[in-house]
Amino acid sequence: MKSIKTFVVAATLTTVSFGSFAADLGTVTATGNTLDGLESTFAAKAAAAGASSYKIIEAGGQNHLHGTAILYK
């Protein structure tokens, strides 16, 4: 029983501490011809939105790439 309480407390503290460090500003989409071009578009959109970082969560395509990223404050 004590180990269950310890686990719940640890999980709660982990969630709270992560939430205080990274505020999700939303998602953005972009298109490009290369991965470098796609990433530079995400960087420009993150800077314009005032985000301190971004995480690309999806990218794909053949000759024309598209992707989605999450912006963080």
N, C-alpha and C. Protein backbone atom coordinates (compact mmCIF):
# COMPACT_ATOMS: atom_id res chain seq x y z
N MET A 1 0.82 -1.18 0.00
CA MET A 1 0.00 0.00 0.00
C MET A 1 0.87 1.26 0.00
N LYS A 2 1.97 1.21 0.76
CA LYS A 2 2.86 2.36 0.83
C LYS A 2 3.53 2.61 -0.52
N SER A 3 3.86 1.55 -1.23
CA SER A 3 4.50 1.72 -2.54
C SER A 3 3.53 2.33 -3.55
N ILE A 4 2.26 2.04 -3.44
CA ILE A 4 1.26 2.63 -4.34
C ILE A 4 1.17 4.12 -4.08
N LYS A 5 1.14 4.53 -2.82
CA LYS A 5 1.09 5.96 -2.48
C LYS A 5 2.34 6.67 -2.98
N THR A 6 3.49 6.04 -2.83
CA THR A 6 4.74 6.63 -3.30
C THR A 6 4.71 6.81 -4.81
N PHE A 7 4.22 5.81 -5.51
CA PHE A 7 4.12 5.90 -6.97
C PHE A 7 3.18 7.02 -7.39
N VAL A 8 2.04 7.15 -6.75
CA VAL A 8 1.07 8.19 -7.09
C VAL A 8 1.66 9.57 -6.84
N VAL A 9 2.35 9.74 -5.73
CA VAL A 9 2.97 11.03 -5.41
C VAL A 9 4.06 11.34 -6.43
N ALA A 10 4.89 10.37 -6.78
CA ALA A 10 5.95 10.60 -7.76
C ALA A 10 5.37 10.95 -9.13
N ALA A 11 4.33 10.26 -9.54
CA ALA A 11 3.70 10.54 -10.84
C ALA A 11 3.08 11.93 -10.85
N THR A 12 2.47 12.32 -9.76
CA THR A 12 1.88 13.66 -9.67
C THR A 12 2.94 14.74 -9.73
N LEU A 13 4.02 14.58 -8.99
CA LEU A 13 5.09 15.57 -8.99
C LEU A 13 5.76 15.67 -10.35
N THR A 14 5.91 14.56 -11.04
CA THR A 14 6.50 14.57 -12.37
C THR A 14 5.62 15.35 -13.34
N THR A 15 4.33 15.11 -13.28
CA THR A 15 3.39 15.81 -14.15
C THR A 15 3.37 17.30 -13.85
N VAL A 16 3.35 17.67 -12.60
CA VAL A 16 3.31 19.07 -12.21
C VAL A 16 4.60 19.77 -12.60
N SER A 17 5.73 19.16 -12.37
CA SER A 17 6.99 19.81 -12.69
C SER A 17 7.17 19.96 -14.20
N PHE A 18 6.76 18.97 -14.98
CA PHE A 18 6.87 19.09 -16.43
C PHE A 18 5.96 20.19 -16.93
N GLY A 19 4.77 20.28 -16.41
CA GLY A 19 3.82 21.31 -16.83
C GLY A 19 4.30 22.71 -16.52
N SER A 20 5.06 22.87 -15.46
CA SER A 20 5.54 24.20 -15.11
C SER A 20 6.70 24.63 -16.00
N PHE A 21 7.42 23.71 -16.59
CA PHE A 21 8.55 24.05 -17.44
C PHE A 21 8.15 24.27 -18.90
N ALA A 22 7.15 23.57 -19.38
CA ALA A 22 6.81 23.62 -20.80
C ALA A 22 5.33 23.91 -20.98
N ALA A 23 5.02 25.14 -21.35
CA ALA A 23 3.64 25.51 -21.63
C ALA A 23 3.39 25.33 -23.12
N ASP A 24 2.41 24.54 -23.45
CA ASP A 24 2.07 24.24 -24.84
C ASP A 24 1.34 25.44 -25.44
N LEU A 25 1.88 26.03 -26.51
CA LEU A 25 1.25 27.16 -27.18
C LEU A 25 0.33 26.72 -28.31
N GLY A 26 0.37 25.48 -28.69
CA GLY A 26 -0.46 24.98 -29.78
C GLY A 26 0.36 24.29 -30.84
N THR A 27 -0.27 23.99 -31.95
CA THR A 27 0.41 23.31 -33.05
C THR A 27 0.42 24.19 -34.29
N VAL A 28 1.41 23.95 -35.13
CA VAL A 28 1.51 24.63 -36.42
C VAL A 28 1.80 23.59 -37.48
N THR A 29 1.42 23.89 -38.71
CA THR A 29 1.73 23.02 -39.84
C THR A 29 2.59 23.80 -40.83
N ALA A 30 3.32 23.06 -41.63
CA ALA A 30 4.18 23.69 -42.63
C ALA A 30 4.39 22.73 -43.79
N THR A 31 4.79 23.29 -44.91
CA THR A 31 5.14 22.49 -46.08
C THR A 31 6.49 22.95 -46.60
N GLY A 32 7.17 22.07 -47.32
CA GLY A 32 8.46 22.40 -47.89
C GLY A 32 8.91 21.34 -48.87
N ASN A 33 10.00 21.63 -49.56
CA ASN A 33 10.54 20.68 -50.54
C ASN A 33 11.62 19.79 -49.94
N THR A 34 12.24 20.23 -48.84
CA THR A 34 13.28 19.44 -48.17
C THR A 34 13.01 19.45 -46.67
N LEU A 35 13.65 18.54 -45.95
CA LEU A 35 13.51 18.53 -44.50
C LEU A 35 14.10 19.79 -43.87
N ASP A 36 15.21 20.28 -44.43
CA ASP A 36 15.81 21.52 -43.93
C ASP A 36 14.86 22.70 -44.12
N GLY A 37 14.21 22.75 -45.27
CA GLY A 37 13.25 23.80 -45.52
C GLY A 37 12.05 23.73 -44.60
N LEU A 38 11.59 22.52 -44.35
CA LEU A 38 10.47 22.31 -43.45
C LEU A 38 10.84 22.75 -42.04
N GLU A 39 12.02 22.38 -41.60
CA GLU A 39 12.46 22.74 -40.24
C GLU A 39 12.66 24.25 -40.10
N SER A 40 13.20 24.90 -41.12
CA SER A 40 13.38 26.35 -41.03
C SER A 40 12.03 27.07 -41.01
N THR A 41 11.02 26.53 -41.69
CA THR A 41 9.68 27.11 -41.63
C THR A 41 9.11 26.98 -40.23
N PHE A 42 9.31 25.83 -39.58
CA PHE A 42 8.86 25.66 -38.20
C PHE A 42 9.58 26.63 -37.27
N ALA A 43 10.87 26.80 -37.47
CA ALA A 43 11.64 27.72 -36.62
C ALA A 43 11.13 29.15 -36.78
N ALA A 44 10.82 29.56 -38.00
CA ALA A 44 10.29 30.91 -38.23
C ALA A 44 8.92 31.08 -37.60
N LYS A 45 8.06 30.07 -37.72
CA LYS A 45 6.72 30.16 -37.13
C LYS A 45 6.80 30.17 -35.61
N ALA A 46 7.74 29.40 -35.04
CA ALA A 46 7.91 29.40 -33.59
C ALA A 46 8.39 30.76 -33.10
N ALA A 47 9.33 31.36 -33.79
CA ALA A 47 9.83 32.68 -33.41
C ALA A 47 8.73 33.73 -33.51
N ALA A 48 7.92 33.67 -34.55
CA ALA A 48 6.83 34.63 -34.73
C ALA A 48 5.77 34.49 -33.65
N ALA A 49 5.57 33.29 -33.14
CA ALA A 49 4.58 33.05 -32.10
C ALA A 49 5.12 33.30 -30.70
N GLY A 50 6.42 33.59 -30.59
CA GLY A 50 7.02 33.82 -29.28
C GLY A 50 7.36 32.55 -28.53
N ALA A 51 7.46 31.45 -29.24
CA ALA A 51 7.79 30.17 -28.61
C ALA A 51 9.30 30.07 -28.38
N SER A 52 9.68 29.41 -27.30
CA SER A 52 11.10 29.22 -27.03
C SER A 52 11.63 27.94 -27.66
N SER A 53 10.72 27.01 -27.99
CA SER A 53 11.14 25.78 -28.65
C SER A 53 9.94 25.16 -29.37
N TYR A 54 10.24 24.14 -30.15
CA TYR A 54 9.19 23.41 -30.86
C TYR A 54 9.62 21.96 -31.00
N LYS A 55 8.64 21.10 -31.20
CA LYS A 55 8.91 19.68 -31.38
C LYS A 55 8.13 19.21 -32.60
N ILE A 56 8.85 18.71 -33.60
CA ILE A 56 8.20 18.20 -34.80
C ILE A 56 7.61 16.83 -34.47
N ILE A 57 6.30 16.70 -34.64
CA ILE A 57 5.64 15.44 -34.28
C ILE A 57 5.25 14.62 -35.49
N GLU A 58 5.30 15.22 -36.68
CA GLU A 58 4.93 14.49 -37.89
C GLU A 58 5.53 15.18 -39.09
N ALA A 59 6.11 14.41 -39.97
CA ALA A 59 6.62 14.93 -41.24
C ALA A 59 6.58 13.80 -42.26
N GLY A 60 6.16 14.11 -43.47
CA GLY A 60 6.11 13.07 -44.49
C GLY A 60 5.80 13.64 -45.85
N GLY A 61 5.82 12.78 -46.82
CA GLY A 61 5.55 13.17 -48.19
C GLY A 61 6.62 12.64 -49.12
N GLN A 62 6.41 12.83 -50.40
CA GLN A 62 7.39 12.39 -51.40
C GLN A 62 8.20 13.59 -51.89
N ASN A 63 7.73 14.25 -52.92
CA ASN A 63 8.44 15.40 -53.48
C ASN A 63 8.06 16.70 -52.78
N HIS A 64 6.93 16.71 -52.11
CA HIS A 64 6.46 17.88 -51.39
C HIS A 64 6.14 17.44 -49.96
N LEU A 65 6.91 17.93 -48.97
CA LEU A 65 6.78 17.48 -47.59
C LEU A 65 5.77 18.34 -46.83
N HIS A 66 5.13 17.74 -45.86
CA HIS A 66 4.25 18.45 -44.95
C HIS A 66 4.54 17.95 -43.56
N GLY A 67 4.28 18.80 -42.56
CA GLY A 67 4.57 18.39 -41.20
C GLY A 67 3.77 19.18 -40.19
N THR A 68 3.83 18.72 -38.93
CA THR A 68 3.15 19.35 -37.81
C THR A 68 4.14 19.43 -36.66
N ALA A 69 4.08 20.54 -35.93
CA ALA A 69 4.95 20.73 -34.77
C ALA A 69 4.16 21.33 -33.61
N ILE A 70 4.58 21.02 -32.39
CA ILE A 70 4.02 21.62 -31.19
C ILE A 70 4.94 22.73 -30.74
N LEU A 71 4.38 23.90 -30.44
CA LEU A 71 5.16 25.03 -29.95
C LEU A 71 5.11 25.07 -28.43
N TYR A 72 6.26 25.39 -27.82
CA TYR A 72 6.36 25.47 -26.36
C TYR A 72 6.89 26.84 -25.96
N LYS A 73 6.39 27.35 -24.85
CA LYS A 73 6.83 28.63 -24.31
C LYS A 73 7.97 28.41 -23.36
